[in-house]
Amino acid sequence: MSAFLALLKRDLVLSYRQGIDAWVVVLFFLAAGILFPFAIGPEPNALMRVSTGVVLSMAALAALLSLDRLYQGDFEDGSLDLMVLGPLPLELTALAKALAHWLSTGLPLLIAAPLLALMLNAPSESYGPMLLALALATPALSLLGGLGAALTLGSRRGGILLTLLILPLYVPVLIFAAGLISRSLLLEDDPTGALLLLSGVDLGLLAITPWATAAALRQALR
């Protein structure tokens, strides 16, 4: 457990020293979301209908920005080889990396989401369900992103490949998150099923992706 926490602390410290990356993710999230009123017009009701969907979509795209560096730096300087040979199982290493990515990227997006929702004229009653959906969806995005980063590690134009590989996997997570929001806003509908479904996706990915990511890392290091 101490090795897991040490790796998590190390990645968070590195992310903190490169704090500009976290700001770029948040600024992209806000700037890209603000473009939608210019595309669909400033009509308040139109913005209100798409606001939560825009927030979810922009969060998924913003999470992609830092994924290509998740393992690349450790791969280039040899740190990844030491991690493979270290006492911490590679599966837990992958989990620590995904957790560090969520803490440095997903959590800031979660904090910035109400600001973007306000700019998009989202209804006030949607803030709670939207934050709950993001809180459940962003860990899944980090877990899937870690797997994609491992699969494209060492490849040429890995960033493009990573985007093409991960975006289709993000779609079901976004659909379930949007379903949770819409069901929460309908008074006659019960959001419990959507909540359990999205939570089940998180648990399923938590059980599968560390093993798949570790296998991809071993393959990349051969």
C-alpha atoms as a PDB file:
ATOM      1  CA  MET A   1       0.000   0.000   0.000  1.00  0.00           C
ATOM      2  CA  SER A   2       2.871   2.370   0.749  1.00  0.00           C
ATOM      3  CA  ALA A   3       4.305   1.804  -2.741  1.00  0.00           C
ATOM      4  CA  PHE A   4       0.890   2.589  -4.269  1.00  0.00           C
ATOM      5  CA  LEU A   5       0.596   5.826  -2.290  1.00  0.00           C
ATOM      6  CA  ALA A   6       4.200   6.763  -3.107  1.00  0.00           C
ATOM      7  CA  LEU A   7       3.541   6.370  -6.836  1.00  0.00           C
ATOM      8  CA  LEU A   8       0.303   8.321  -6.540  1.00  0.00           C
ATOM      9  CA  LYS A   9       2.063  11.111  -4.659  1.00  0.00           C
ATOM     10  CA  ARG A  10       4.887  11.165  -7.210  1.00  0.00           C
ATOM     11  CA  ASP A  11       2.501  11.555 -10.150  1.00  0.00           C
ATOM     12  CA  LEU A  12       0.504  14.246  -8.372  1.00  0.00           C
ATOM     13  CA  VAL A  13       3.701  16.173  -7.531  1.00  0.00           C
ATOM     14  CA  LEU A  14       4.830  15.966 -11.160  1.00  0.00           C
ATOM     15  CA  SER A  15       1.408  17.140 -12.268  1.00  0.00           C
ATOM     16  CA  TYR A  16       1.558  20.000  -9.767  1.00  0.00           C
ATOM     17  CA  ARG A  17       4.985  21.086 -11.035  1.00  0.00           C
ATOM     18  CA  GLN A  18       3.540  21.114 -14.543  1.00  0.00           C
ATOM     19  CA  GLY A  19       0.443  22.941 -13.333  1.00  0.00           C
ATOM     20  CA  ILE A  20       0.016  24.635 -16.695  1.00  0.00           C
ATOM     21  CA  ASP A  21      -1.340  21.319 -18.041  1.00  0.00           C
ATOM     22  CA  ALA A  22      -4.224  21.292 -15.575  1.00  0.00           C
ATOM     23  CA  TRP A  23      -5.038  24.891 -16.430  1.00  0.00           C
ATOM     24  CA  VAL A  24      -4.963  24.095 -20.149  1.00  0.00           C
ATOM     25  CA  VAL A  25      -7.462  21.262 -19.608  1.00  0.00           C
ATOM     26  CA  VAL A  26      -9.852  23.497 -17.660  1.00  0.00           C
ATOM     27  CA  LEU A  27      -9.470  26.414 -20.074  1.00  0.00           C
ATOM     28  CA  PHE A  28     -10.121  24.139 -23.045  1.00  0.00           C
ATOM     29  CA  PHE A  29     -13.195  22.765 -21.265  1.00  0.00           C
ATOM     30  CA  LEU A  30     -14.580  26.262 -20.725  1.00  0.00           C
ATOM     31  CA  ALA A  31     -13.523  27.782 -24.057  1.00  0.00           C
ATOM     32  CA  ALA A  32     -14.821  24.922 -26.185  1.00  0.00           C
ATOM     33  CA  GLY A  33     -18.114  24.900 -24.303  1.00  0.00           C
ATOM     34  CA  ILE A  34     -18.591  28.639 -24.756  1.00  0.00           C
ATOM     35  CA  LEU A  35     -18.441  28.194 -28.553  1.00  0.00           C
ATOM     36  CA  PHE A  36     -21.785  26.387 -28.594  1.00  0.00           C
ATOM     37  CA  PRO A  37     -23.943  29.517 -28.093  1.00  0.00           C
ATOM     38  CA  PHE A  38     -22.288  30.984 -31.200  1.00  0.00           C
ATOM     39  CA  ALA A  39     -23.076  27.834 -33.182  1.00  0.00           C
ATOM     40  CA  ILE A  40     -26.711  27.290 -32.182  1.00  0.00           C
ATOM     41  CA  GLY A  41     -27.657  30.868 -31.365  1.00  0.00           C
ATOM     42  CA  PRO A  42     -28.206  32.715 -28.086  1.00  0.00           C
ATOM     43  CA  GLU A  43     -31.847  31.615 -27.696  1.00  0.00           C
ATOM     44  CA  PRO A  44     -32.125  30.701 -23.965  1.00  0.00           C
ATOM     45  CA  ASN A  45     -34.417  27.696 -24.348  1.00  0.00           C
ATOM     46  CA  ALA A  46     -32.199  26.119 -27.009  1.00  0.00           C
ATOM     47  CA  LEU A  47     -29.139  26.525 -24.800  1.00  0.00           C
ATOM     48  CA  MET A  48     -31.005  25.118 -21.817  1.00  0.00           C
ATOM     49  CA  ARG A  49     -31.898  21.944 -23.713  1.00  0.00           C
ATOM     50  CA  VAL A  50     -28.309  21.141 -24.724  1.00  0.00           C
ATOM     51  CA  SER A  51     -26.404  22.587 -21.764  1.00  0.00           C
ATOM     52  CA  THR A  52     -25.825  19.434 -19.723  1.00  0.00           C
ATOM     53  CA  GLY A  53     -24.962  17.410 -22.835  1.00  0.00           C
ATOM     54  CA  VAL A  54     -22.400  20.023 -23.827  1.00  0.00           C
ATOM     55  CA  VAL A  55     -20.827  19.911 -20.365  1.00  0.00           C
ATOM     56  CA  LEU A  56     -20.518  16.113 -20.506  1.00  0.00           C
ATOM     57  CA  SER A  57     -19.086  16.130 -24.038  1.00  0.00           C
ATOM     58  CA  MET A  58     -16.564  18.885 -23.300  1.00  0.00           C
ATOM     59  CA  ALA A  59     -15.428  17.052 -20.162  1.00  0.00           C
ATOM     60  CA  ALA A  60     -14.731  13.933 -22.225  1.00  0.00           C
ATOM     61  CA  LEU A  61     -12.759  15.892 -24.835  1.00  0.00           C
ATOM     62  CA  ALA A  62     -10.822  17.826 -22.198  1.00  0.00           C
ATOM     63  CA  ALA A  63      -9.866  14.595 -20.428  1.00  0.00           C
ATOM     64  CA  LEU A  64      -8.172  13.454 -23.641  1.00  0.00           C
ATOM     65  CA  LEU A  65      -5.671  16.322 -23.608  1.00  0.00           C
ATOM     66  CA  SER A  66      -3.381  14.908 -20.927  1.00  0.00           C
ATOM     67  CA  LEU A  67      -3.711  11.195 -21.686  1.00  0.00           C
ATOM     68  CA  ASP A  68      -0.840  10.954 -24.151  1.00  0.00           C
ATOM     69  CA  ARG A  69       1.574  11.987 -21.383  1.00  0.00           C
ATOM     70  CA  LEU A  70       0.233   9.507 -18.845  1.00  0.00           C
ATOM     71  CA  TYR A  71       2.929   6.907 -19.583  1.00  0.00           C
ATOM     72  CA  GLN A  72       5.015   8.548 -22.306  1.00  0.00           C
ATOM     73  CA  GLY A  73       7.407  10.404 -20.000  1.00  0.00           C
ATOM     74  CA  ASP A  74       8.046   7.337 -17.844  1.00  0.00           C
ATOM     75  CA  PHE A  75       8.509   5.254 -21.000  1.00  0.00           C
ATOM     76  CA  GLU A  76      11.108   7.636 -22.427  1.00  0.00           C
ATOM     77  CA  ASP A  77      13.214   8.105 -19.276  1.00  0.00           C
ATOM     78  CA  GLY A  78      13.154   4.449 -18.212  1.00  0.00           C
ATOM     79  CA  SER A  79      10.986   4.952 -15.126  1.00  0.00           C
ATOM     80  CA  LEU A  80       8.402   2.567 -16.502  1.00  0.00           C
ATOM     81  CA  ASP A  81      10.954  -0.259 -16.597  1.00  0.00           C
ATOM     82  CA  LEU A  82      11.686   0.347 -12.920  1.00  0.00           C
ATOM     83  CA  MET A  83       7.971   0.269 -12.143  1.00  0.00           C
ATOM     84  CA  VAL A  84       7.663  -3.106 -13.846  1.00  0.00           C
ATOM     85  CA  LEU A  85      10.582  -4.445 -11.797  1.00  0.00           C
ATOM     86  CA  GLY A  86       9.446  -2.802  -8.554  1.00  0.00           C
ATOM     87  CA  PRO A  87       7.502  -4.340  -5.668  1.00  0.00           C
ATOM     88  CA  LEU A  88       4.156  -2.884  -6.756  1.00  0.00           C
ATOM     89  CA  PRO A  89       2.205  -5.094  -9.171  1.00  0.00           C
ATOM     90  CA  LEU A  90       1.839  -3.461 -12.559  1.00  0.00           C
ATOM     91  CA  GLU A  91      -1.946  -3.662 -12.245  1.00  0.00           C
ATOM     92  CA  LEU A  92      -1.819  -1.437  -9.156  1.00  0.00           C
ATOM     93  CA  THR A  93       0.637   0.840 -10.944  1.00  0.00           C
ATOM     94  CA  ALA A  94      -1.937   1.293 -13.720  1.00  0.00           C
ATOM     95  CA  LEU A  95      -4.627   1.977 -11.126  1.00  0.00           C
ATOM     96  CA  ALA A  96      -2.459   4.580  -9.371  1.00  0.00           C
ATOM     97  CA  LYS A  97      -1.781   6.289 -12.697  1.00  0.00           C
ATOM     98  CA  ALA A  98      -5.495   6.419 -13.516  1.00  0.00           C
ATOM     99  CA  LEU A  99      -6.304   7.784 -10.058  1.00  0.00           C
ATOM    100  CA  ALA A 100      -3.621  10.458 -10.397  1.00  0.00           C
ATOM    101  CA  HIS A 101      -5.055  11.417 -13.785  1.00  0.00           C
ATOM    102  CA  TRP A 102      -8.526  11.767 -12.285  1.00  0.00           C
ATOM    103  CA  LEU A 103      -7.279  13.854  -9.356  1.00  0.00           C
ATOM    104  CA  SER A 104      -5.299  16.185 -11.629  1.00  0.00           C
ATOM    105  CA  THR A 105      -7.797  16.363 -14.513  1.00  0.00           C
ATOM    106  CA  GLY A 106     -11.220  14.936 -13.672  1.00  0.00           C
ATOM    107  CA  LEU A 107     -11.542  16.705 -10.336  1.00  0.00           C
ATOM    108  CA  PRO A 108     -10.714  20.180 -11.736  1.00  0.00           C
ATOM    109  CA  LEU A 109     -13.253  19.581 -14.512  1.00  0.00           C
ATOM    110  CA  LEU A 110     -15.837  18.630 -11.903  1.00  0.00           C
ATOM    111  CA  ILE A 111     -15.149  21.885 -10.061  1.00  0.00           C
ATOM    112  CA  ALA A 112     -15.312  23.967 -13.259  1.00  0.00           C
ATOM    113  CA  ALA A 113     -18.497  22.312 -14.571  1.00  0.00           C
ATOM    114  CA  PRO A 114     -20.985  24.602 -12.735  1.00  0.00           C
ATOM    115  CA  LEU A 115     -19.307  27.648 -14.290  1.00  0.00           C
ATOM    116  CA  LEU A 116     -19.726  26.263 -17.800  1.00  0.00           C
ATOM    117  CA  ALA A 117     -23.301  25.206 -17.000  1.00  0.00           C
ATOM    118  CA  LEU A 118     -24.030  28.754 -15.849  1.00  0.00           C
ATOM    119  CA  MET A 119     -22.603  30.176 -19.093  1.00  0.00           C
ATOM    120  CA  LEU A 120     -24.833  27.803 -21.077  1.00  0.00           C
ATOM    121  CA  ASN A 121     -27.962  28.818 -19.162  1.00  0.00           C
ATOM    122  CA  ALA A 122     -28.465  25.351 -17.666  1.00  0.00           C
ATOM    123  CA  PRO A 123     -31.535  25.071 -15.405  1.00  0.00           C
ATOM    124  CA  SER A 124     -30.644  25.364 -11.747  1.00  0.00           C
ATOM    125  CA  GLU A 125     -32.263  22.019 -10.914  1.00  0.00           C
ATOM    126  CA  SER A 126     -29.867  20.245 -13.289  1.00  0.00           C
ATOM    127  CA  TYR A 127     -26.700  21.178 -11.376  1.00  0.00           C
ATOM    128  CA  GLY A 128     -26.969  18.416  -8.789  1.00  0.00           C
ATOM    129  CA  PRO A 129     -27.655  15.577 -11.257  1.00  0.00           C
ATOM    130  CA  MET A 130     -25.012  16.941 -13.624  1.00  0.00           C
ATOM    131  CA  LEU A 131     -22.321  16.967 -10.919  1.00  0.00           C
ATOM    132  CA  LEU A 132     -23.338  13.478  -9.791  1.00  0.00           C
ATOM    133  CA  ALA A 133     -23.146  12.210 -13.365  1.00  0.00           C
ATOM    134  CA  LEU A 134     -19.726  13.814 -13.845  1.00  0.00           C
ATOM    135  CA  ALA A 135     -18.493  12.428 -10.525  1.00  0.00           C
ATOM    136  CA  LEU A 136     -19.374   8.922 -11.737  1.00  0.00           C
ATOM    137  CA  ALA A 137     -18.387   9.387 -15.385  1.00  0.00           C
ATOM    138  CA  THR A 138     -14.959  11.023 -15.025  1.00  0.00           C
ATOM    139  CA  PRO A 139     -13.356   8.048 -13.182  1.00  0.00           C
ATOM    140  CA  ALA A 140     -14.507   5.818 -16.041  1.00  0.00           C
ATOM    141  CA  LEU A 141     -12.961   8.259 -18.516  1.00  0.00           C
ATOM    142  CA  SER A 142      -9.636   8.117 -16.646  1.00  0.00           C
ATOM    143  CA  LEU A 143      -9.644   4.312 -16.484  1.00  0.00           C
ATOM    144  CA  LEU A 144     -10.436   3.971 -20.189  1.00  0.00           C
ATOM    145  CA  GLY A 145      -7.935   6.699 -20.998  1.00  0.00           C
ATOM    146  CA  GLY A 146      -5.185   4.891 -19.110  1.00  0.00           C
ATOM    147  CA  LEU A 147      -5.891   1.756 -21.118  1.00  0.00           C
ATOM    148  CA  GLY A 148      -5.778   3.709 -24.371  1.00  0.00           C
ATOM    149  CA  ALA A 149      -2.517   5.418 -23.374  1.00  0.00           C
ATOM    150  CA  ALA A 150      -0.946   2.024 -22.659  1.00  0.00           C
ATOM    151  CA  LEU A 151      -2.169   0.532 -25.939  1.00  0.00           C
ATOM    152  CA  THR A 152      -0.688   3.382 -27.991  1.00  0.00           C
ATOM    153  CA  LEU A 153       2.520   3.708 -25.970  1.00  0.00           C
ATOM    154  CA  GLY A 154       5.594   3.938 -28.169  1.00  0.00           C
ATOM    155  CA  SER A 155       3.652   4.211 -31.408  1.00  0.00           C
ATOM    156  CA  ARG A 156       4.175   6.998 -33.886  1.00  0.00           C
ATOM    157  CA  ARG A 157       1.429   9.614 -33.828  1.00  0.00           C
ATOM    158  CA  GLY A 158       0.199   8.036 -30.631  1.00  0.00           C
ATOM    159  CA  GLY A 159      -1.968  11.056 -29.784  1.00  0.00           C
ATOM    160  CA  ILE A 160      -4.081  10.641 -32.920  1.00  0.00           C
ATOM    161  CA  LEU A 161      -4.360   6.885 -32.412  1.00  0.00           C
ATOM    162  CA  LEU A 162      -5.300   7.417 -28.789  1.00  0.00           C
ATOM    163  CA  THR A 163      -8.127   9.785 -29.739  1.00  0.00           C
ATOM    164  CA  LEU A 164      -9.483   7.421 -32.394  1.00  0.00           C
ATOM    165  CA  LEU A 165      -9.298   4.491 -29.990  1.00  0.00           C
ATOM    166  CA  ILE A 166     -10.751   6.109 -26.886  1.00  0.00           C
ATOM    167  CA  LEU A 167     -13.552   8.316 -28.190  1.00  0.00           C
ATOM    168  CA  PRO A 168     -15.798   5.368 -29.208  1.00  0.00           C
ATOM    169  CA  LEU A 169     -15.272   3.863 -25.743  1.00  0.00           C
ATOM    170  CA  TYR A 170     -16.289   7.143 -24.134  1.00  0.00           C
ATOM    171  CA  VAL A 171     -19.644   7.186 -25.930  1.00  0.00           C
ATOM    172  CA  PRO A 172     -21.456   4.598 -23.713  1.00  0.00           C
ATOM    173  CA  VAL A 173     -20.242   6.353 -20.561  1.00  0.00           C
ATOM    174  CA  LEU A 174     -21.573   9.676 -21.833  1.00  0.00           C
ATOM    175  CA  ILE A 175     -24.889   8.088 -22.821  1.00  0.00           C
ATOM    176  CA  PHE A 176     -25.352   6.604 -19.349  1.00  0.00           C
ATOM    177  CA  ALA A 177     -24.373   9.909 -17.709  1.00  0.00           C
ATOM    178  CA  ALA A 178     -26.824  11.839 -19.892  1.00  0.00           C
ATOM    179  CA  GLY A 179     -29.511   9.282 -19.046  1.00  0.00           C
ATOM    180  CA  LEU A 180     -28.905   9.836 -15.338  1.00  0.00           C
ATOM    181  CA  ILE A 181     -29.335  13.592 -15.752  1.00  0.00           C
ATOM    182  CA  SER A 182     -32.462  13.371 -17.885  1.00  0.00           C
ATOM    183  CA  ARG A 183     -34.138  10.846 -15.584  1.00  0.00           C
ATOM    184  CA  SER A 184     -33.304  12.971 -12.547  1.00  0.00           C
ATOM    185  CA  LEU A 185     -34.988  15.997 -14.126  1.00  0.00           C
ATOM    186  CA  LEU A 186     -38.205  14.121 -14.964  1.00  0.00           C
ATOM    187  CA  LEU A 187     -40.430  14.146 -11.907  1.00  0.00           C
ATOM    188  CA  GLU A 188     -42.292  10.996 -12.940  1.00  0.00           C
ATOM    189  CA  ASP A 189     -39.114   9.029 -13.633  1.00  0.00           C
ATOM    190  CA  ASP A 190     -36.863   7.234 -11.143  1.00  0.00           C
ATOM    191  CA  PRO A 191     -33.117   7.859 -11.698  1.00  0.00           C
ATOM    192  CA  THR A 192     -32.059   4.935  -9.503  1.00  0.00           C
ATOM    193  CA  GLY A 193     -31.666   2.559 -12.448  1.00  0.00           C
ATOM    194  CA  ALA A 194     -29.470   5.003 -14.384  1.00  0.00           C
ATOM    195  CA  LEU A 195     -27.448   5.689 -11.242  1.00  0.00           C
ATOM    196  CA  LEU A 196     -26.850   1.983 -10.628  1.00  0.00           C
ATOM    197  CA  LEU A 197     -25.983   1.433 -14.287  1.00  0.00           C
ATOM    198  CA  LEU A 198     -23.338   4.158 -14.327  1.00  0.00           C
ATOM    199  CA  SER A 199     -21.963   2.938 -10.987  1.00  0.00           C
ATOM    200  CA  GLY A 200     -21.816  -0.590 -12.419  1.00  0.00           C
ATOM    201  CA  VAL A 201     -19.803   0.701 -15.378  1.00  0.00           C
ATOM    202  CA  ASP A 202     -17.291   2.231 -12.954  1.00  0.00           C
ATOM    203  CA  LEU A 203     -16.985  -0.990 -10.966  1.00  0.00           C
ATOM    204  CA  GLY A 204     -16.678  -3.097 -14.109  1.00  0.00           C
ATOM    205  CA  LEU A 205     -13.925  -0.881 -15.498  1.00  0.00           C
ATOM    206  CA  LEU A 206     -12.208  -0.858 -12.115  1.00  0.00           C
ATOM    207  CA  ALA A 207     -12.093  -4.646 -12.228  1.00  0.00           C
ATOM    208  CA  ILE A 208     -11.005  -4.975 -15.876  1.00  0.00           C
ATOM    209  CA  THR A 209      -8.932  -2.008 -17.022  1.00  0.00           C
ATOM    210  CA  PRO A 210      -5.974  -2.322 -14.581  1.00  0.00           C
ATOM    211  CA  TRP A 211      -5.322  -5.859 -15.831  1.00  0.00           C
ATOM    212  CA  ALA A 212      -5.754  -4.895 -19.486  1.00  0.00           C
ATOM    213  CA  THR A 213      -3.563  -1.814 -19.033  1.00  0.00           C
ATOM    214  CA  ALA A 214      -0.834  -3.847 -17.348  1.00  0.00           C
ATOM    215  CA  ALA A 215      -0.871  -6.351 -20.220  1.00  0.00           C
ATOM    216  CA  ALA A 216      -0.599  -3.504 -22.752  1.00  0.00           C
ATOM    217  CA  LEU A 217       2.326  -1.978 -20.852  1.00  0.00           C
ATOM    218  CA  ARG A 218       4.185  -5.291 -20.779  1.00  0.00           C
ATOM    219  CA  GLN A 219       3.646  -5.651 -24.501  1.00  0.00           C
ATOM    220  CA  ALA A 220       4.937  -2.114 -25.154  1.00  0.00           C
ATOM    221  CA  LEU A 221       8.112  -2.780 -23.130  1.00  0.00           C
ATOM    222  CA  ARG A 222       9.053  -5.951 -24.993  1.00  0.00           C
END
